[in-house]
Amino acid sequence: MKRTRIGFYGVILAIAVFLAGGEFSHASEEMPPPGVTPELLEQGKKLYTEDCAVCHGTEGKGDGTGAYLLFPKPRNFTDGIFKVRSTPTGELPRDVDLYRTISEGMPGSAMSSFVSRTEAERWALTYCVLEMADIREEPERV
């Protein structure tokens, strides 16, 4: 049997991947979705302006002032199309799908994790994005 050495940095990388995976896999299970309230939506709009508008634009069209620097380009929320979701192709994403993307970021893009924000703040951003996408027809079934 051939043995391979992964070395010190390999061990550190493996530990980091393990720890990150453990934290992210429970991100949406820590707190149930709080549901949309006018106060939460207002908080989401404020946070969006602070953290997201530079890339996604003030109206969520993917045309923020920094968008031209990014590849892939930021998502246009007004299209109502979301890449990462747990629903079949052609169906709307679940609220928790967008929450996870906000929490974990988008690998391979400039979209970073917002896990440093509180869960309530990430839900507020989730509802703000859903409003921009105009895809909420009825309350989500859990």
N, C-alpha and C. Protein backbone atom coordinates (compact mmCIF):
# COMPACT_ATOMS: atom_id res chain seq x y z
N MET A 1 0.84 -1.17 0.00
CA MET A 1 0.00 0.00 0.00
C MET A 1 0.89 1.24 0.00
N LYS A 2 0.62 2.13 -0.93
CA LYS A 2 1.41 3.35 -1.05
C LYS A 2 0.88 4.40 -0.07
N ARG A 3 1.78 5.04 0.66
CA ARG A 3 1.40 6.09 1.61
C ARG A 3 1.76 7.45 1.01
N THR A 4 0.89 8.40 1.22
CA THR A 4 1.18 9.76 0.76
C THR A 4 1.23 10.68 1.96
N ARG A 5 2.00 11.73 1.81
CA ARG A 5 2.11 12.73 2.88
C ARG A 5 1.35 13.97 2.45
N ILE A 6 0.46 14.42 3.30
CA ILE A 6 -0.27 15.63 2.95
C ILE A 6 0.39 16.88 3.54
N GLY A 7 1.23 16.70 4.49
CA GLY A 7 1.98 17.82 5.05
C GLY A 7 1.16 18.70 5.96
N PHE A 8 1.85 19.63 6.57
CA PHE A 8 1.26 20.54 7.54
C PHE A 8 0.14 21.37 6.93
N TYR A 9 0.39 21.98 5.76
CA TYR A 9 -0.62 22.84 5.15
C TYR A 9 -1.82 22.05 4.67
N GLY A 10 -1.61 20.81 4.29
CA GLY A 10 -2.73 19.95 3.91
C GLY A 10 -3.64 19.68 5.09
N VAL A 11 -3.03 19.45 6.26
CA VAL A 11 -3.82 19.21 7.46
C VAL A 11 -4.60 20.47 7.83
N ILE A 12 -3.94 21.63 7.78
CA ILE A 12 -4.61 22.89 8.09
C ILE A 12 -5.77 23.12 7.13
N LEU A 13 -5.56 22.88 5.84
CA LEU A 13 -6.62 23.05 4.85
C LEU A 13 -7.78 22.10 5.14
N ALA A 14 -7.48 20.86 5.45
CA ALA A 14 -8.52 19.88 5.74
C ALA A 14 -9.34 20.30 6.96
N ILE A 15 -8.68 20.81 7.99
CA ILE A 15 -9.38 21.27 9.19
C ILE A 15 -10.25 22.47 8.85
N ALA A 16 -9.72 23.40 8.08
CA ALA A 16 -10.48 24.59 7.71
C ALA A 16 -11.72 24.22 6.91
N VAL A 17 -11.58 23.32 5.96
CA VAL A 17 -12.73 22.88 5.16
C VAL A 17 -13.76 22.19 6.04
N PHE A 18 -13.29 21.35 6.95
CA PHE A 18 -14.20 20.65 7.85
C PHE A 18 -14.97 21.64 8.72
N LEU A 19 -14.26 22.60 9.31
CA LEU A 19 -14.91 23.57 10.19
C LEU A 19 -15.86 24.46 9.42
N ALA A 20 -15.48 24.91 8.25
CA ALA A 20 -16.36 25.76 7.45
C ALA A 20 -17.60 25.00 7.04
N GLY A 21 -17.44 23.75 6.65
CA GLY A 21 -18.59 22.93 6.26
C GLY A 21 -19.53 22.71 7.41
N GLY A 22 -19.02 22.50 8.59
CA GLY A 22 -19.87 22.32 9.76
C GLY A 22 -20.66 23.57 10.09
N GLU A 23 -20.01 24.72 10.00
CA GLU A 23 -20.70 25.97 10.32
C GLU A 23 -21.77 26.28 9.30
N PHE A 24 -21.45 26.14 8.01
CA PHE A 24 -22.39 26.50 6.98
C PHE A 24 -23.56 25.54 6.89
N SER A 25 -23.33 24.26 7.17
CA SER A 25 -24.40 23.30 7.01
C SER A 25 -25.52 23.51 8.01
N HIS A 26 -25.27 24.24 9.08
CA HIS A 26 -26.29 24.47 10.09
C HIS A 26 -26.81 25.90 10.07
N ALA A 27 -26.36 26.70 9.10
CA ALA A 27 -26.69 28.13 9.10
C ALA A 27 -28.18 28.39 9.14
N SER A 28 -28.98 27.67 8.37
CA SER A 28 -30.40 27.96 8.32
C SER A 28 -31.18 27.21 9.39
N GLU A 29 -30.54 26.30 10.12
CA GLU A 29 -31.23 25.53 11.12
C GLU A 29 -31.18 26.20 12.49
N GLU A 30 -30.35 27.22 12.66
CA GLU A 30 -30.20 27.86 13.95
C GLU A 30 -31.44 28.65 14.34
N MET A 31 -32.05 29.29 13.37
CA MET A 31 -33.19 30.14 13.65
C MET A 31 -34.22 29.93 12.54
N PRO A 32 -35.47 29.64 12.88
CA PRO A 32 -36.47 29.49 11.83
C PRO A 32 -36.71 30.84 11.15
N PRO A 33 -37.13 30.83 9.91
CA PRO A 33 -37.40 32.10 9.22
C PRO A 33 -38.37 32.95 10.03
N PRO A 34 -38.04 34.20 10.28
CA PRO A 34 -38.88 35.03 11.14
C PRO A 34 -40.16 35.51 10.46
N GLY A 35 -40.25 35.41 9.16
CA GLY A 35 -41.41 35.95 8.46
C GLY A 35 -41.23 37.43 8.19
N VAL A 36 -41.84 37.89 7.13
CA VAL A 36 -41.66 39.28 6.70
C VAL A 36 -42.50 40.21 7.57
N THR A 37 -41.85 41.25 8.06
CA THR A 37 -42.54 42.34 8.75
C THR A 37 -42.05 43.64 8.12
N PRO A 38 -42.83 44.71 8.21
CA PRO A 38 -42.36 45.99 7.66
C PRO A 38 -41.02 46.42 8.26
N GLU A 39 -40.82 46.16 9.56
CA GLU A 39 -39.57 46.56 10.22
C GLU A 39 -38.39 45.75 9.68
N LEU A 40 -38.58 44.45 9.51
CA LEU A 40 -37.51 43.60 9.00
C LEU A 40 -37.17 43.96 7.56
N LEU A 41 -38.18 44.24 6.77
CA LEU A 41 -37.95 44.63 5.38
C LEU A 41 -37.21 45.97 5.30
N GLU A 42 -37.57 46.89 6.16
CA GLU A 42 -36.87 48.19 6.19
C GLU A 42 -35.41 47.99 6.59
N GLN A 43 -35.17 47.13 7.58
CA GLN A 43 -33.79 46.82 7.97
C GLN A 43 -33.04 46.19 6.80
N GLY A 44 -33.69 45.30 6.08
CA GLY A 44 -33.07 44.65 4.93
C GLY A 44 -32.68 45.66 3.85
N LYS A 45 -33.53 46.63 3.61
CA LYS A 45 -33.24 47.65 2.59
C LYS A 45 -32.02 48.49 3.01
N LYS A 46 -31.94 48.80 4.29
CA LYS A 46 -30.79 49.57 4.79
C LYS A 46 -29.50 48.76 4.65
N LEU A 47 -29.55 47.50 5.06
CA LEU A 47 -28.37 46.64 4.94
C LEU A 47 -27.99 46.42 3.48
N TYR A 48 -28.98 46.25 2.63
CA TYR A 48 -28.72 46.06 1.20
C TYR A 48 -27.97 47.27 0.65
N THR A 49 -28.42 48.47 0.99
CA THR A 49 -27.76 49.69 0.53
C THR A 49 -26.31 49.72 1.00
N GLU A 50 -26.07 49.31 2.24
CA GLU A 50 -24.72 49.33 2.81
C GLU A 50 -23.81 48.26 2.21
N ASP A 51 -24.33 47.05 2.02
CA ASP A 51 -23.49 45.90 1.71
C ASP A 51 -23.61 45.35 0.29
N CYS A 52 -24.72 45.57 -0.37
CA CYS A 52 -24.99 44.85 -1.62
C CYS A 52 -25.09 45.75 -2.85
N ALA A 53 -25.56 46.97 -2.66
CA ALA A 53 -25.86 47.84 -3.80
C ALA A 53 -24.63 48.15 -4.65
N VAL A 54 -23.45 48.17 -4.08
CA VAL A 54 -22.25 48.49 -4.85
C VAL A 54 -22.04 47.48 -5.98
N CYS A 55 -22.46 46.25 -5.79
CA CYS A 55 -22.33 45.24 -6.85
C CYS A 55 -23.66 45.01 -7.58
N HIS A 56 -24.74 44.84 -6.81
CA HIS A 56 -26.03 44.47 -7.40
C HIS A 56 -26.86 45.67 -7.85
N GLY A 57 -26.44 46.89 -7.51
CA GLY A 57 -27.18 48.09 -7.90
C GLY A 57 -28.27 48.43 -6.91
N THR A 58 -28.69 49.68 -6.91
CA THR A 58 -29.67 50.15 -5.94
C THR A 58 -31.04 49.49 -6.13
N GLU A 59 -31.35 49.07 -7.35
CA GLU A 59 -32.63 48.41 -7.62
C GLU A 59 -32.48 46.91 -7.81
N GLY A 60 -31.27 46.38 -7.58
CA GLY A 60 -31.06 44.94 -7.70
C GLY A 60 -30.90 44.43 -9.11
N LYS A 61 -30.52 45.29 -10.04
CA LYS A 61 -30.42 44.90 -11.44
C LYS A 61 -29.04 44.39 -11.84
N GLY A 62 -28.14 44.24 -10.86
CA GLY A 62 -26.80 43.75 -11.17
C GLY A 62 -25.90 44.80 -11.79
N ASP A 63 -26.27 46.05 -11.64
CA ASP A 63 -25.56 47.15 -12.31
C ASP A 63 -24.96 48.15 -11.33
N GLY A 64 -24.49 47.66 -10.19
CA GLY A 64 -23.88 48.55 -9.20
C GLY A 64 -22.60 49.19 -9.73
N THR A 65 -22.10 50.19 -9.02
CA THR A 65 -20.92 50.91 -9.48
C THR A 65 -19.69 50.03 -9.58
N GLY A 66 -19.64 48.94 -8.82
CA GLY A 66 -18.49 48.03 -8.88
C GLY A 66 -18.70 46.84 -9.79
N ALA A 67 -19.87 46.70 -10.38
CA ALA A 67 -20.21 45.51 -11.17
C ALA A 67 -19.28 45.30 -12.36
N TYR A 68 -18.83 46.38 -12.98
CA TYR A 68 -17.99 46.24 -14.17
C TYR A 68 -16.65 45.56 -13.86
N LEU A 69 -16.26 45.54 -12.61
CA LEU A 69 -14.99 44.93 -12.21
C LEU A 69 -15.11 43.42 -11.95
N LEU A 70 -16.32 42.91 -11.92
CA LEU A 70 -16.55 41.55 -11.43
C LEU A 70 -16.82 40.55 -12.56
N PHE A 71 -16.30 39.35 -12.37
CA PHE A 71 -16.61 38.23 -13.24
C PHE A 71 -16.74 36.99 -12.37
N PRO A 72 -17.84 36.34 -12.42
CA PRO A 72 -19.04 36.65 -13.21
C PRO A 72 -19.74 37.89 -12.68
N LYS A 73 -20.57 38.47 -13.53
CA LYS A 73 -21.30 39.68 -13.17
C LYS A 73 -22.27 39.38 -12.03
N PRO A 74 -22.58 40.37 -11.21
CA PRO A 74 -23.53 40.17 -10.12
C PRO A 74 -24.92 39.81 -10.64
N ARG A 75 -25.64 39.05 -9.87
CA ARG A 75 -27.00 38.61 -10.23
C ARG A 75 -27.94 39.80 -10.34
N ASN A 76 -28.78 39.78 -11.35
CA ASN A 76 -29.86 40.75 -11.50
C ASN A 76 -31.08 40.15 -10.81
N PHE A 77 -31.40 40.63 -9.64
CA PHE A 77 -32.49 40.06 -8.85
C PHE A 77 -33.84 40.27 -9.52
N THR A 78 -33.97 41.34 -10.30
CA THR A 78 -35.27 41.64 -10.91
C THR A 78 -35.65 40.61 -11.97
N ASP A 79 -34.70 39.80 -12.41
CA ASP A 79 -35.02 38.71 -13.34
C ASP A 79 -35.77 37.59 -12.63
N GLY A 80 -35.62 37.51 -11.31
CA GLY A 80 -36.29 36.46 -10.55
C GLY A 80 -35.71 35.07 -10.78
N ILE A 81 -34.48 35.01 -11.29
CA ILE A 81 -33.83 33.73 -11.56
C ILE A 81 -32.67 33.57 -10.59
N PHE A 82 -32.66 32.45 -9.87
CA PHE A 82 -31.63 32.21 -8.87
C PHE A 82 -30.96 30.88 -9.15
N LYS A 83 -29.65 30.89 -9.15
CA LYS A 83 -28.85 29.72 -9.51
C LYS A 83 -28.87 28.63 -8.43
N VAL A 84 -28.70 29.02 -7.20
CA VAL A 84 -28.58 28.05 -6.11
C VAL A 84 -29.93 27.94 -5.41
N ARG A 85 -30.55 26.77 -5.52
CA ARG A 85 -31.84 26.55 -4.89
C ARG A 85 -32.04 25.06 -4.68
N SER A 86 -32.96 24.72 -3.81
CA SER A 86 -33.25 23.32 -3.54
C SER A 86 -34.50 22.86 -4.29
N THR A 87 -35.04 23.72 -5.11
CA THR A 87 -36.25 23.40 -5.87
C THR A 87 -35.88 22.97 -7.29
N PRO A 88 -36.76 22.27 -7.97
CA PRO A 88 -36.47 21.84 -9.35
C PRO A 88 -36.34 23.03 -10.30
N THR A 89 -35.67 22.82 -11.41
CA THR A 89 -35.52 23.84 -12.44
C THR A 89 -36.88 24.37 -12.85
N GLY A 90 -36.98 25.68 -12.94
CA GLY A 90 -38.22 26.31 -13.33
C GLY A 90 -39.10 26.72 -12.15
N GLU A 91 -38.78 26.22 -10.96
CA GLU A 91 -39.55 26.60 -9.78
C GLU A 91 -38.82 27.69 -9.01
N LEU A 92 -39.58 28.44 -8.24
CA LEU A 92 -39.00 29.51 -7.44
C LEU A 92 -38.15 28.93 -6.32
N PRO A 93 -37.12 29.65 -5.91
CA PRO A 93 -36.31 29.18 -4.78
C PRO A 93 -37.11 29.33 -3.49
N ARG A 94 -36.73 28.56 -2.49
CA ARG A 94 -37.30 28.72 -1.16
C ARG A 94 -36.56 29.86 -0.47
N ASP A 95 -37.21 30.47 0.49
CA ASP A 95 -36.58 31.56 1.24
C ASP A 95 -35.24 31.12 1.82
N VAL A 96 -35.20 29.91 2.35
CA VAL A 96 -33.98 29.40 2.98
C VAL A 96 -32.85 29.23 1.95
N ASP A 97 -33.17 29.01 0.69
CA ASP A 97 -32.14 28.92 -0.35
C ASP A 97 -31.40 30.25 -0.48
N LEU A 98 -32.15 31.34 -0.51
CA LEU A 98 -31.52 32.66 -0.61
C LEU A 98 -30.78 33.01 0.67
N TYR A 99 -31.35 32.62 1.80
CA TYR A 99 -30.69 32.84 3.08
C TYR A 99 -29.32 32.14 3.10
N ARG A 100 -29.27 30.93 2.63
CA ARG A 100 -28.00 30.19 2.60
C ARG A 100 -26.99 30.87 1.69
N THR A 101 -27.43 31.35 0.53
CA THR A 101 -26.52 32.04 -0.37
C THR A 101 -25.96 33.29 0.28
N ILE A 102 -26.81 34.05 0.95
CA ILE A 102 -26.35 35.25 1.65
C ILE A 102 -25.40 34.86 2.78
N SER A 103 -25.70 33.80 3.48
CA SER A 103 -24.87 33.36 4.60
C SER A 103 -23.52 32.82 4.14
N GLU A 104 -23.53 32.01 3.09
CA GLU A 104 -22.32 31.29 2.66
C GLU A 104 -21.57 31.96 1.52
N GLY A 105 -22.23 32.84 0.77
CA GLY A 105 -21.61 33.43 -0.39
C GLY A 105 -21.74 32.51 -1.60
N MET A 106 -21.11 32.92 -2.70
CA MET A 106 -21.16 32.14 -3.94
C MET A 106 -19.73 31.78 -4.35
N PRO A 107 -19.33 30.54 -4.14
CA PRO A 107 -17.99 30.13 -4.57
C PRO A 107 -17.79 30.40 -6.07
N GLY A 108 -16.60 30.85 -6.41
CA GLY A 108 -16.30 31.14 -7.81
C GLY A 108 -16.76 32.50 -8.26
N SER A 109 -17.23 33.32 -7.31
CA SER A 109 -17.66 34.68 -7.65
C SER A 109 -17.15 35.64 -6.58
N ALA A 110 -17.46 36.90 -6.76
CA ALA A 110 -17.06 37.91 -5.77
C ALA A 110 -18.03 37.98 -4.59
N MET A 111 -19.12 37.23 -4.66
CA MET A 111 -20.12 37.24 -3.59
C MET A 111 -19.56 36.54 -2.37
N SER A 112 -19.26 37.34 -1.36
CA SER A 112 -18.67 36.78 -0.14
C SER A 112 -19.75 36.37 0.85
N SER A 113 -19.34 35.66 1.86
CA SER A 113 -20.22 35.22 2.92
C SER A 113 -20.60 36.42 3.80
N PHE A 114 -21.85 36.44 4.22
CA PHE A 114 -22.29 37.45 5.17
C PHE A 114 -22.58 36.82 6.52
N VAL A 115 -21.85 35.74 6.82
CA VAL A 115 -22.04 35.04 8.09
C VAL A 115 -21.66 35.93 9.28
N SER A 116 -20.93 36.99 9.02
CA SER A 116 -20.59 37.92 10.11
C SER A 116 -21.81 38.75 10.53
N ARG A 117 -22.82 38.83 9.69
CA ARG A 117 -24.06 39.50 10.05
C ARG A 117 -24.89 38.56 10.92
N THR A 118 -25.75 39.10 11.75
CA THR A 118 -26.60 38.26 12.59
C THR A 118 -27.60 37.50 11.71
N GLU A 119 -28.18 36.46 12.27
CA GLU A 119 -29.18 35.70 11.52
C GLU A 119 -30.36 36.60 11.13
N ALA A 120 -30.80 37.44 12.05
CA ALA A 120 -31.92 38.34 11.75
C ALA A 120 -31.56 39.28 10.60
N GLU A 121 -30.34 39.78 10.59
CA GLU A 121 -29.90 40.66 9.50
C GLU A 121 -29.87 39.92 8.17
N ARG A 122 -29.40 38.66 8.19
CA ARG A 122 -29.37 37.88 6.95
C ARG A 122 -30.78 37.57 6.45
N TRP A 123 -31.72 37.34 7.37
CA TRP A 123 -33.12 37.15 6.96
C TRP A 123 -33.67 38.45 6.39
N ALA A 124 -33.31 39.57 7.00
CA ALA A 124 -33.77 40.87 6.49
C ALA A 124 -33.27 41.08 5.06
N LEU A 125 -32.01 40.75 4.79
CA LEU A 125 -31.48 40.84 3.43
C LEU A 125 -32.20 39.88 2.49
N THR A 126 -32.50 38.69 2.97
CA THR A 126 -33.21 37.70 2.17
C THR A 126 -34.55 38.26 1.70
N TYR A 127 -35.31 38.83 2.62
CA TYR A 127 -36.62 39.36 2.27
C TYR A 127 -36.52 40.58 1.36
N CYS A 128 -35.47 41.36 1.55
CA CYS A 128 -35.25 42.51 0.66
C CYS A 128 -35.00 42.03 -0.77
N VAL A 129 -34.16 41.02 -0.94
CA VAL A 129 -33.88 40.47 -2.27
C VAL A 129 -35.14 39.86 -2.87
N LEU A 130 -35.91 39.14 -2.08
CA LEU A 130 -37.16 38.55 -2.58
C LEU A 130 -38.13 39.64 -3.05
N GLU A 131 -38.15 40.75 -2.34
CA GLU A 131 -39.03 41.85 -2.78
C GLU A 131 -38.55 42.43 -4.10
N MET A 132 -37.23 42.58 -4.25
CA MET A 132 -36.69 43.09 -5.52
C MET A 132 -37.01 42.15 -6.68
N ALA A 133 -36.95 40.86 -6.40
CA ALA A 133 -37.22 39.86 -7.43
C ALA A 133 -38.71 39.76 -7.73
N ASP A 134 -39.54 40.26 -6.81
CA ASP A 134 -40.99 40.24 -6.97
C ASP A 134 -41.51 38.83 -7.28
N ILE A 135 -41.05 37.86 -6.46
CA ILE A 135 -41.45 36.48 -6.68
C ILE A 135 -42.25 35.91 -5.53
N ARG A 136 -42.58 36.72 -4.56
CA ARG A 136 -43.35 36.23 -3.41
C ARG A 136 -44.82 36.35 -3.73
N GLU A 137 -45.46 35.20 -3.95
CA GLU A 137 -46.87 35.19 -4.25
C GLU A 137 -47.70 34.90 -3.02
N GLU A 138 -47.22 34.04 -2.17
CA GLU A 138 -47.92 33.66 -0.96
C GLU A 138 -46.89 33.28 0.08
N PRO A 139 -47.28 33.24 1.35
CA PRO A 139 -46.31 32.82 2.37
C PRO A 139 -45.77 31.43 2.09
N GLU A 140 -44.50 31.25 2.36
CA GLU A 140 -43.86 29.97 2.09
C GLU A 140 -44.33 28.90 3.05
N ARG A 141 -44.55 27.72 2.53
CA ARG A 141 -44.88 26.57 3.36
C ARG A 141 -43.60 25.99 3.93
N VAL A 142 -43.63 25.64 5.18
CA VAL A 142 -42.43 25.08 5.83
C VAL A 142 -42.52 23.58 5.88
